[in-house]
C-alpha atoms as a PDB file:
ATOM      1  CA  UNK A   1      77.701  76.031  -2.617  1.00  0.00           C
ATOM      2  CA  UNK A   2      76.425  77.153   0.825  1.00  0.00           C
ATOM      3  CA  UNK A   3      76.691  75.204   4.177  1.00  0.00           C
ATOM      4  CA  UNK A   4      73.763  75.114   6.700  1.00  0.00           C
ATOM      5  CA  UNK A   5      75.433  76.936   9.580  1.00  0.00           C
ATOM      6  CA  UNK A   6      76.272  79.675   7.221  1.00  0.00           C
ATOM      7  CA  UNK A   7      72.730  80.664   6.329  1.00  0.00           C
ATOM      8  CA  UNK A   8      71.434  83.623   8.672  1.00  0.00           C
ATOM      9  CA  UNK A   9      68.168  83.209   8.459  1.00  0.00           C
ATOM     10  CA  UNK A  10      65.125  83.030  11.151  1.00  0.00           C
ATOM     11  CA  UNK A  11      62.051  81.017  10.922  1.00  0.00           C
ATOM     12  CA  UNK A  12      63.569  78.066   8.712  1.00  0.00           C
ATOM     13  CA  UNK A  13      60.925  76.525   6.939  1.00  0.00           C
ATOM     14  CA  UNK A  14      61.430  73.672   4.430  1.00  0.00           C
ATOM     15  CA  UNK A  15      59.357  72.387   0.995  1.00  0.00           C
ATOM     16  CA  UNK A  16      60.265  68.726   0.050  1.00  0.00           C
ATOM     17  CA  UNK A  17      58.782  68.810  -3.643  1.00  0.00           C
ATOM     18  CA  UNK A  18      60.451  66.557  -6.150  1.00  0.00           C
ATOM     19  CA  UNK A  19      62.980  65.111  -4.402  1.00  0.00           C
ATOM     20  CA  UNK A  20      64.607  68.730  -3.617  1.00  0.00           C
ATOM     21  CA  UNK A  21      64.904  70.621  -0.306  1.00  0.00           C
ATOM     22  CA  UNK A  22      63.807  74.197  -1.013  1.00  0.00           C
ATOM     23  CA  UNK A  23      64.792  75.876   2.301  1.00  0.00           C
ATOM     24  CA  UNK A  24      62.657  79.511   3.144  1.00  0.00           C
ATOM     25  CA  UNK A  25      63.251  82.162   5.857  1.00  0.00           C
ATOM     26  CA  UNK A  26      63.532  85.387   7.092  1.00  0.00           C
ATOM     27  CA  UNK A  27      66.652  87.859   6.565  1.00  0.00           C
ATOM     28  CA  UNK A  28      68.219  88.220   9.172  1.00  0.00           C
ATOM     29  CA  UNK A  29      69.931  91.113   8.005  1.00  0.00           C
ATOM     30  CA  UNK A  30      66.746  92.833   7.772  1.00  0.00           C
ATOM     31  CA  UNK A  31      64.706  91.469   9.942  1.00  0.00           C
ATOM     32  CA  UNK A  32      63.751  94.398  12.359  1.00  0.00           C
ATOM     33  CA  UNK A  33      63.707  97.033   9.854  1.00  0.00           C
ATOM     34  CA  UNK A  34      63.094  97.845   6.172  1.00  0.00           C
ATOM     35  CA  UNK A  35      63.134  95.134   4.123  1.00  0.00           C
ATOM     36  CA  UNK A  36      62.132  94.326   0.100  1.00  0.00           C
ATOM     37  CA  UNK A  37      62.554  90.845  -0.310  1.00  0.00           C
ATOM     38  CA  UNK A  38      62.664  86.483   0.496  1.00  0.00           C
ATOM     39  CA  UNK A  39      64.918  83.742  -0.196  1.00  0.00           C
ATOM     40  CA  UNK A  40      65.503  80.031  -0.952  1.00  0.00           C
ATOM     41  CA  UNK A  41      68.330  77.972  -0.522  1.00  0.00           C
ATOM     42  CA  UNK A  42      67.874  74.858  -2.754  1.00  0.00           C
ATOM     43  CA  UNK A  43      69.248  71.430  -1.562  1.00  0.00           C
ATOM     44  CA  UNK A  44      69.726  67.195  -2.022  1.00  0.00           C
ATOM     45  CA  UNK A  45      71.402  66.461   1.404  1.00  0.00           C
ATOM     46  CA  UNK A  46      69.898  69.213   3.658  1.00  0.00           C
ATOM     47  CA  UNK A  47      74.002  70.805   4.284  1.00  0.00           C
ATOM     48  CA  UNK A  48      74.646  72.039   0.731  1.00  0.00           C
ATOM     49  CA  UNK A  49      72.523  74.633  -0.366  1.00  0.00           C
ATOM     50  CA  UNK A  50      72.538  76.487  -3.716  1.00  0.00           C
ATOM     51  CA  UNK A  51      71.715  79.943  -3.541  1.00  0.00           C
ATOM     52  CA  UNK A  52      70.205  82.284  -2.127  1.00  0.00           C
ATOM     53  CA  UNK A  53      67.679  82.625  -5.104  1.00  0.00           C
ATOM     54  CA  UNK A  54      65.804  85.533  -4.301  1.00  0.00           C
ATOM     55  CA  UNK A  55      61.898  84.894  -4.690  1.00  0.00           C
ATOM     56  CA  UNK A  56      59.844  87.821  -3.980  1.00  0.00           C
ATOM     57  CA  UNK A  57      61.243  91.376  -4.194  1.00  0.00           C
ATOM     58  CA  UNK A  58      59.570  94.644  -3.733  1.00  0.00           C
ATOM     59  CA  UNK A  59      57.777  96.248  -6.602  1.00  0.00           C
ATOM     60  CA  UNK A  60      57.186 100.077  -6.849  1.00  0.00           C
ATOM     61  CA  UNK A  61      53.278  99.361  -5.597  1.00  0.00           C
ATOM     62  CA  UNK A  62      53.729  97.027  -3.193  1.00  0.00           C
ATOM     63  CA  UNK A  63      52.482  98.683  -0.233  1.00  0.00           C
ATOM     64  CA  UNK A  64      54.758  97.101   2.487  1.00  0.00           C
ATOM     65  CA  UNK A  65      57.912  98.137   3.087  1.00  0.00           C
ATOM     66  CA  UNK A  66      58.833  96.583   6.870  1.00  0.00           C
ATOM     67  CA  UNK A  67      59.133  93.642   8.699  1.00  0.00           C
ATOM     68  CA  UNK A  68      59.067  90.895   5.819  1.00  0.00           C
ATOM     69  CA  UNK A  69      58.764  88.179   8.462  1.00  0.00           C
ATOM     70  CA  UNK A  70      57.911  84.093   8.237  1.00  0.00           C
ATOM     71  CA  UNK A  71      57.968  82.628   4.476  1.00  0.00           C
ATOM     72  CA  UNK A  72      56.125  79.592   4.392  1.00  0.00           C
ATOM     73  CA  UNK A  73      55.880  78.123   0.980  1.00  0.00           C
ATOM     74  CA  UNK A  74      52.727  75.275   1.055  1.00  0.00           C
ATOM     75  CA  UNK A  75      51.622  73.449  -2.347  1.00  0.00           C
ATOM     76  CA  UNK A  76      47.980  73.957  -2.903  1.00  0.00           C
ATOM     77  CA  UNK A  77      45.592  72.519  -5.734  1.00  0.00           C
ATOM     78  CA  UNK A  78      48.685  72.515  -8.396  1.00  0.00           C
ATOM     79  CA  UNK A  79      50.350  76.062  -7.304  1.00  0.00           C
ATOM     80  CA  UNK A  80      52.395  77.139  -4.561  1.00  0.00           C
ATOM     81  CA  UNK A  81      51.094  79.518  -1.772  1.00  0.00           C
ATOM     82  CA  UNK A  82      53.080  81.639   0.362  1.00  0.00           C
ATOM     83  CA  UNK A  83      52.076  82.740   3.813  1.00  0.00           C
ATOM     84  CA  UNK A  84      54.485  86.348   4.951  1.00  0.00           C
ATOM     85  CA  UNK A  85      54.276  88.738   7.165  1.00  0.00           C
ATOM     86  CA  UNK A  86      54.972  92.048   5.985  1.00  0.00           C
ATOM     87  CA  UNK A  87      54.241  95.425   7.981  1.00  0.00           C
ATOM     88  CA  UNK A  88      54.975  99.227   6.744  1.00  0.00           C
ATOM     89  CA  UNK A  89      57.195 102.011   8.603  1.00  0.00           C
ATOM     90  CA  UNK A  90      54.263 104.562   8.354  1.00  0.00           C
ATOM     91  CA  UNK A  91      51.268 102.530   9.981  1.00  0.00           C
ATOM     92  CA  UNK A  92      53.360 100.052  11.761  1.00  0.00           C
ATOM     93  CA  UNK A  93      50.139  96.986  12.021  1.00  0.00           C
ATOM     94  CA  UNK A  94      52.221  93.884  11.301  1.00  0.00           C
ATOM     95  CA  UNK A  95      49.872  91.038   9.407  1.00  0.00           C
ATOM     96  CA  UNK A  96      50.037  88.336   7.059  1.00  0.00           C
ATOM     97  CA  UNK A  97      49.060  88.153   3.927  1.00  0.00           C
ATOM     98  CA  UNK A  98      49.165  85.306   0.657  1.00  0.00           C
ATOM     99  CA  UNK A  99      51.455  85.367  -2.248  1.00  0.00           C
ATOM    100  CA  UNK A 100      51.036  82.412  -4.883  1.00  0.00           C
ATOM    101  CA  UNK A 101      53.696  81.020  -7.912  1.00  0.00           C
ATOM    102  CA  UNK A 102      54.009  78.456 -10.183  1.00  0.00           C
ATOM    103  CA  UNK A 103      56.903  76.696  -8.403  1.00  0.00           C
ATOM    104  CA  UNK A 104      58.902  76.703  -5.157  1.00  0.00           C
ATOM    105  CA  UNK A 105      61.588  79.844  -6.455  1.00  0.00           C
ATOM    106  CA  UNK A 106      58.734  81.851  -7.618  1.00  0.00           C
ATOM    107  CA  UNK A 107      58.562  84.196  -8.749  1.00  0.00           C
ATOM    108  CA  UNK A 108      55.976  84.888  -5.948  1.00  0.00           C
ATOM    109  CA  UNK A 109      53.361  87.541  -6.440  1.00  0.00           C
ATOM    110  CA  UNK A 110      50.598  89.066  -4.435  1.00  0.00           C
ATOM    111  CA  UNK A 111      47.591  86.548  -4.704  1.00  0.00           C
ATOM    112  CA  UNK A 112      45.194  87.466  -1.453  1.00  0.00           C
ATOM    113  CA  UNK A 113      43.470  90.531  -1.551  1.00  0.00           C
ATOM    114  CA  UNK A 114      45.445  92.340   0.607  1.00  0.00           C
ATOM    115  CA  UNK A 115      46.422  90.980   4.403  1.00  0.00           C
ATOM    116  CA  UNK A 116      44.412  88.124   5.834  1.00  0.00           C
ATOM    117  CA  UNK A 117      44.423  88.742   9.039  1.00  0.00           C
ATOM    118  CA  UNK A 118      42.331  91.834  10.453  1.00  0.00           C
ATOM    119  CA  UNK A 119      44.013  95.551   9.899  1.00  0.00           C
ATOM    120  CA  UNK A 120      43.536  96.883  13.237  1.00  0.00           C
ATOM    121  CA  UNK A 121      45.389  93.718  14.488  1.00  0.00           C
ATOM    122  CA  UNK A 122      49.015  93.206  15.095  1.00  0.00           C
ATOM    123  CA  UNK A 123      49.881  89.520  13.478  1.00  0.00           C
ATOM    124  CA  UNK A 124      52.326  87.593  12.153  1.00  0.00           C
ATOM    125  CA  UNK A 125      53.363  84.169  11.729  1.00  0.00           C
ATOM    126  CA  UNK A 126      50.584  82.532   9.368  1.00  0.00           C
ATOM    127  CA  UNK A 127      50.737  79.252   8.317  1.00  0.00           C
ATOM    128  CA  UNK A 128      48.397  76.887   5.834  1.00  0.00           C
ATOM    129  CA  UNK A 129      46.221  74.389   7.546  1.00  0.00           C
ATOM    130  CA  UNK A 130      43.873  72.032   5.385  1.00  0.00           C
ATOM    131  CA  UNK A 131      41.241  70.195   7.698  1.00  0.00           C
ATOM    132  CA  UNK A 132      40.355  66.739   7.557  1.00  0.00           C
ATOM    133  CA  UNK A 133      36.999  68.176   5.409  1.00  0.00           C
ATOM    134  CA  UNK A 134      38.896  69.938   2.907  1.00  0.00           C
ATOM    135  CA  UNK A 135      38.594  73.181   4.619  1.00  0.00           C
ATOM    136  CA  UNK A 136      41.459  75.781   4.647  1.00  0.00           C
ATOM    137  CA  UNK A 137      42.506  77.757   7.272  1.00  0.00           C
ATOM    138  CA  UNK A 138      44.811  80.241   8.156  1.00  0.00           C
ATOM    139  CA  UNK A 139      46.918  79.896  11.570  1.00  0.00           C
ATOM    140  CA  UNK A 140      48.669  82.680  13.160  1.00  0.00           C
ATOM    141  CA  UNK A 141      49.734  85.137  16.082  1.00  0.00           C
ATOM    142  CA  UNK A 142      47.826  87.642  17.524  1.00  0.00           C
ATOM    143  CA  UNK A 143      50.987  89.512  18.939  1.00  0.00           C
ATOM    144  CA  UNK A 144      51.308  90.657  22.521  1.00  0.00           C
ATOM    145  CA  UNK A 145      51.282  94.269  21.327  1.00  0.00           C
ATOM    146  CA  UNK A 146      47.830  93.889  21.248  1.00  0.00           C
ATOM    147  CA  UNK A 147      46.738  91.606  23.946  1.00  0.00           C
ATOM    148  CA  UNK A 148      50.194  91.541  26.680  1.00  0.00           C
ATOM    149  CA  UNK A 149      49.130  87.872  26.516  1.00  0.00           C
ATOM    150  CA  UNK A 150      50.135  86.535  23.108  1.00  0.00           C
ATOM    151  CA  UNK A 151      47.295  84.305  21.411  1.00  0.00           C
ATOM    152  CA  UNK A 152      46.989  81.977  18.731  1.00  0.00           C
ATOM    153  CA  UNK A 153      44.431  82.233  16.214  1.00  0.00           C
ATOM    154  CA  UNK A 154      42.867  80.852  13.276  1.00  0.00           C
ATOM    155  CA  UNK A 155      40.571  82.171  10.147  1.00  0.00           C
ATOM    156  CA  UNK A 156      38.857  80.272   7.454  1.00  0.00           C
ATOM    157  CA  UNK A 157      40.125  80.971   4.196  1.00  0.00           C
ATOM    158  CA  UNK A 158      38.555  80.782   0.832  1.00  0.00           C
ATOM    159  CA  UNK A 159      38.643  78.055  -0.743  1.00  0.00           C
ATOM    160  CA  UNK A 160      40.728  80.297  -3.517  1.00  0.00           C
ATOM    161  CA  UNK A 161      42.679  81.403  -0.522  1.00  0.00           C
ATOM    162  CA  UNK A 162      42.140  84.959  -1.885  1.00  0.00           C
ATOM    163  CA  UNK A 163      40.817  85.999   1.493  1.00  0.00           C
ATOM    164  CA  UNK A 164      39.089  85.192   5.144  1.00  0.00           C
ATOM    165  CA  UNK A 165      36.104  83.635   5.496  1.00  0.00           C
ATOM    166  CA  UNK A 166      33.903  84.853   8.745  1.00  0.00           C
ATOM    167  CA  UNK A 167      35.633  86.050  11.853  1.00  0.00           C
ATOM    168  CA  UNK A 168      39.143  85.069  13.580  1.00  0.00           C
ATOM    169  CA  UNK A 169      38.959  82.592  16.323  1.00  0.00           C
ATOM    170  CA  UNK A 170      41.417  82.109  19.093  1.00  0.00           C
ATOM    171  CA  UNK A 171      42.719  78.302  19.998  1.00  0.00           C
ATOM    172  CA  UNK A 172      44.946  79.276  23.234  1.00  0.00           C
ATOM    173  CA  UNK A 173      46.930  82.057  24.979  1.00  0.00           C
ATOM    174  CA  UNK A 174      50.848  81.717  25.652  1.00  0.00           C
ATOM    175  CA  UNK A 175      50.107  81.745  29.443  1.00  0.00           C
ATOM    176  CA  UNK A 176      48.260  78.438  29.499  1.00  0.00           C
ATOM    177  CA  UNK A 177      51.544  76.681  28.938  1.00  0.00           C
ATOM    178  CA  UNK A 178      51.566  77.031  32.968  1.00  0.00           C
ATOM    179  CA  UNK A 179      54.355  74.560  33.018  1.00  0.00           C
ATOM    180  CA  UNK A 180      57.121  75.925  30.856  1.00  0.00           C
ATOM    181  CA  UNK A 181      56.407  79.702  29.651  1.00  0.00           C
ATOM    182  CA  UNK A 182      57.807  82.460  31.589  1.00  0.00           C
ATOM    183  CA  UNK A 183      56.778  86.764  30.798  1.00  0.00           C
ATOM    184  CA  UNK A 184      58.739  88.924  29.380  1.00  0.00           C
ATOM    185  CA  UNK A 185      58.955  92.706  30.103  1.00  0.00           C
ATOM    186  CA  UNK A 186      59.698  95.247  27.051  1.00  0.00           C
ATOM    187  CA  UNK A 187      61.063  99.080  27.679  1.00  0.00           C
ATOM    188  CA  UNK A 188      57.794 100.714  26.432  1.00  0.00           C
ATOM    189  CA  UNK A 189      55.612  98.331  28.956  1.00  0.00           C
ATOM    190  CA  UNK A 190      57.552  99.089  32.270  1.00  0.00           C
ATOM    191  CA  UNK A 191      56.142  96.323  34.592  1.00  0.00           C
ATOM    192  CA  UNK A 192      54.155  94.241  32.717  1.00  0.00           C
ATOM    193  CA  UNK A 193      53.870  90.958  32.334  1.00  0.00           C
ATOM    194  CA  UNK A 194      54.633  89.959  28.692  1.00  0.00           C
ATOM    195  CA  UNK A 195      54.232  86.359  27.139  1.00  0.00           C
ATOM    196  CA  UNK A 196      54.714  85.675  23.687  1.00  0.00           C
ATOM    197  CA  UNK A 197      52.688  83.691  20.896  1.00  0.00           C
ATOM    198  CA  UNK A 198      55.437  82.894  17.795  1.00  0.00           C
ATOM    199  CA  UNK A 199      55.680  80.522  14.743  1.00  0.00           C
ATOM    200  CA  UNK A 200      52.615  78.155  14.321  1.00  0.00           C
ATOM    201  CA  UNK A 201      52.256  74.995  12.651  1.00  0.00           C
ATOM    202  CA  UNK A 202      50.251  72.623  12.759  1.00  0.00           C
ATOM    203  CA  UNK A 203      51.034  68.789  12.013  1.00  0.00           C
ATOM    204  CA  UNK A 204      48.860  65.650  11.148  1.00  0.00           C
ATOM    205  CA  UNK A 205      50.730  62.813  13.813  1.00  0.00           C
ATOM    206  CA  UNK A 206      50.168  59.351  12.197  1.00  0.00           C
ATOM    207  CA  UNK A 207      47.690  58.409  14.898  1.00  0.00           C
ATOM    208  CA  UNK A 208      45.567  61.038  12.816  1.00  0.00           C
ATOM    209  CA  UNK A 209      45.989  63.431  16.292  1.00  0.00           C
ATOM    210  CA  UNK A 210      46.801  67.143  15.569  1.00  0.00           C
ATOM    211  CA  UNK A 211      49.324  68.847  16.870  1.00  0.00           C
ATOM    212  CA  UNK A 212      50.513  72.908  16.650  1.00  0.00           C
ATOM    213  CA  UNK A 213      53.557  73.642  17.230  1.00  0.00           C
ATOM    214  CA  UNK A 214      54.268  77.652  18.274  1.00  0.00           C
ATOM    215  CA  UNK A 215      57.295  79.263  20.275  1.00  0.00           C
ATOM    216  CA  UNK A 216      57.525  81.598  23.236  1.00  0.00           C
ATOM    217  CA  UNK A 217      59.906  81.878  26.086  1.00  0.00           C
ATOM    218  CA  UNK A 218      60.652  79.443  28.867  1.00  0.00           C
ATOM    219  CA  UNK A 219      64.188  79.374  31.842  1.00  0.00           C
ATOM    220  CA  UNK A 220      66.681  78.564  28.959  1.00  0.00           C
ATOM    221  CA  UNK A 221      65.612  81.700  26.392  1.00  0.00           C
ATOM    222  CA  UNK A 222      63.403  80.835  23.191  1.00  0.00           C
ATOM    223  CA  UNK A 223      61.526  77.645  22.982  1.00  0.00           C
ATOM    224  CA  UNK A 224      59.718  74.806  20.835  1.00  0.00           C
ATOM    225  CA  UNK A 225      56.178  73.807  22.009  1.00  0.00           C
ATOM    226  CA  UNK A 226      53.194  71.856  21.508  1.00  0.00           C
ATOM    227  CA  UNK A 227      49.964  71.865  21.915  1.00  0.00           C
ATOM    228  CA  UNK A 228      46.700  69.338  21.067  1.00  0.00           C
ATOM    229  CA  UNK A 229      43.432  69.326  19.947  1.00  0.00           C
ATOM    230  CA  UNK A 230      41.232  66.959  21.342  1.00  0.00           C
ATOM    231  CA  UNK A 231      38.949  66.287  18.233  1.00  0.00           C
ATOM    232  CA  UNK A 232      42.230  66.190  15.758  1.00  0.00           C
ATOM    233  CA  UNK A 233      41.233  69.855  14.075  1.00  0.00           C
ATOM    234  CA  UNK A 234      41.245  73.168  14.175  1.00  0.00           C
ATOM    235  CA  UNK A 235      38.202  74.057  16.007  1.00  0.00           C
ATOM    236  CA  UNK A 236      39.149  71.660  18.650  1.00  0.00           C
ATOM    237  CA  UNK A 237      39.889  72.591  22.700  1.00  0.00           C
ATOM    238  CA  UNK A 238      43.832  72.797  23.054  1.00  0.00           C
ATOM    239  CA  UNK A 239      46.143  70.981  25.799  1.00  0.00           C
ATOM    240  CA  UNK A 240      49.516  72.279  26.019  1.00  0.00           C
ATOM    241  CA  UNK A 241      52.535  69.815  26.356  1.00  0.00           C
ATOM    242  CA  UNK A 242      54.155  69.627  29.498  1.00  0.00           C
ATOM    243  CA  UNK A 243      57.395  69.972  28.129  1.00  0.00           C
ATOM    244  CA  UNK A 244      58.794  71.861  25.044  1.00  0.00           C
ATOM    245  CA  UNK A 245      59.978  70.052  21.855  1.00  0.00           C
ATOM    246  CA  UNK A 246      63.109  71.950  22.396  1.00  0.00           C
ATOM    247  CA  UNK A 247      64.471  74.454  24.772  1.00  0.00           C
ATOM    248  CA  UNK A 248      67.597  75.375  24.200  1.00  0.00           C
ATOM    249  CA  UNK A 249      67.141  78.880  23.411  1.00  0.00           C
ATOM    250  CA  UNK A 250      66.020  77.818  19.833  1.00  0.00           C
ATOM    251  CA  UNK A 251      62.492  77.985  18.137  1.00  0.00           C
ATOM    252  CA  UNK A 252      60.326  79.670  15.312  1.00  0.00           C
ATOM    253  CA  UNK A 253      60.331  75.352  13.872  1.00  0.00           C
ATOM    254  CA  UNK A 254      58.095  73.272  11.565  1.00  0.00           C
ATOM    255  CA  UNK A 255      58.477  69.545  10.358  1.00  0.00           C
ATOM    256  CA  UNK A 256      58.844  67.956   7.320  1.00  0.00           C
ATOM    257  CA  UNK A 257      59.623  64.294   6.246  1.00  0.00           C
ATOM    258  CA  UNK A 258      63.138  63.829   4.470  1.00  0.00           C
ATOM    259  CA  UNK A 259      63.081  61.778   1.429  1.00  0.00           C
ATOM    260  CA  UNK A 260      63.390  58.404   3.159  1.00  0.00           C
ATOM    261  CA  UNK A 261      60.086  59.205   5.096  1.00  0.00           C
ATOM    262  CA  UNK A 262      62.038  60.408   8.047  1.00  0.00           C
ATOM    263  CA  UNK A 263      60.325  63.141  10.551  1.00  0.00           C
ATOM    264  CA  UNK A 264      63.117  66.064  10.869  1.00  0.00           C
ATOM    265  CA  UNK A 265      62.535  69.125  12.910  1.00  0.00           C
ATOM    266  CA  UNK A 266      63.731  72.596  11.405  1.00  0.00           C
ATOM    267  CA  UNK A 267      64.054  75.278  14.023  1.00  0.00           C
ATOM    268  CA  UNK A 268      66.693  78.699  14.184  1.00  0.00           C
ATOM    269  CA  UNK A 269      69.396  78.796  16.656  1.00  0.00           C
ATOM    270  CA  UNK A 270      70.457  80.724  18.288  1.00  0.00           C
ATOM    271  CA  UNK A 271      67.823  83.300  19.025  1.00  0.00           C
ATOM    272  CA  UNK A 272      70.238  86.184  18.584  1.00  0.00           C
ATOM    273  CA  UNK A 273      70.318  88.680  16.096  1.00  0.00           C
ATOM    274  CA  UNK A 274      72.176  88.412  12.903  1.00  0.00           C
ATOM    275  CA  UNK A 275      73.867  84.677  14.606  1.00  0.00           C
ATOM    276  CA  UNK A 276      70.921  82.746  13.808  1.00  0.00           C
ATOM    277  CA  UNK A 277      70.466  79.550  11.595  1.00  0.00           C
ATOM    278  CA  UNK A 278      68.512  76.362  10.723  1.00  0.00           C
ATOM    279  CA  UNK A 279      69.029  73.147  12.940  1.00  0.00           C
ATOM    280  CA  UNK A 280      68.467  70.291  11.234  1.00  0.00           C
ATOM    281  CA  UNK A 281      67.158  67.684  14.341  1.00  0.00           C
ATOM    282  CA  UNK A 282      65.702  63.948  13.421  1.00  0.00           C
ATOM    283  CA  UNK A 283      62.771  63.312  15.148  1.00  0.00           C
ATOM    284  CA  UNK A 284      60.441  60.171  16.346  1.00  0.00           C
ATOM    285  CA  UNK A 285      57.244  59.059  14.058  1.00  0.00           C
ATOM    286  CA  UNK A 286      55.145  61.292  16.190  1.00  0.00           C
ATOM    287  CA  UNK A 287      55.145  64.334  18.234  1.00  0.00           C
END
């Protein structure tokens, strides 16, 4: 068994399936360079975990070898689909593809026809969203490396989640969170104001409203923020919540329900290389 505080991952994601909690995330130790797999942990109490269990490992013919980021596992039509970001040392263009398995511990195998995100874009952190009409989408970050003011975008998916349908569209840009977002700088772009968008995650509140969690930087470092759609769907106009959900240098989070029905937020904290771990924070009924 391993304790939550000893699990060194970024971008935690929890699937509650069959009364057990399955925890996924980015391996901190290989986050910024070459990588070859993803792990999962299993718990009944969110404190004591079995694992890690490797649920995906790079095969010789798998074309990606860098930046294995933000695995999310969603149950859809009886199967389990992993949305994960991959990159290559040679091309250095990040993007999200979809893998598939018969159970939460895999093994997961490539499912989509390559990346869902455009090949010429730097993209990351794809997440699954199913509209009230049953239309599948992937929501993702269009990275600041391309646009400097990072964007949250979405694209409709084929019903079998193998490919995109139509072109991506922008939901909002990071700088629209005027009350709290702060720019950062990067050594490659001296003097340039950069606004980050990370980790989108859609959540349907009990009143039917659609909230979209995402992360960027504020006065205290990394934050977990929320935006709201005006029509209850991904196609709406988005308004930024004035105050983040969490602003103490932790983020890239998501929501899930515990076995007793209560709502829980998980995110990684602190946002420091090789020290980050999942934390679990009880939430009110809606965000």
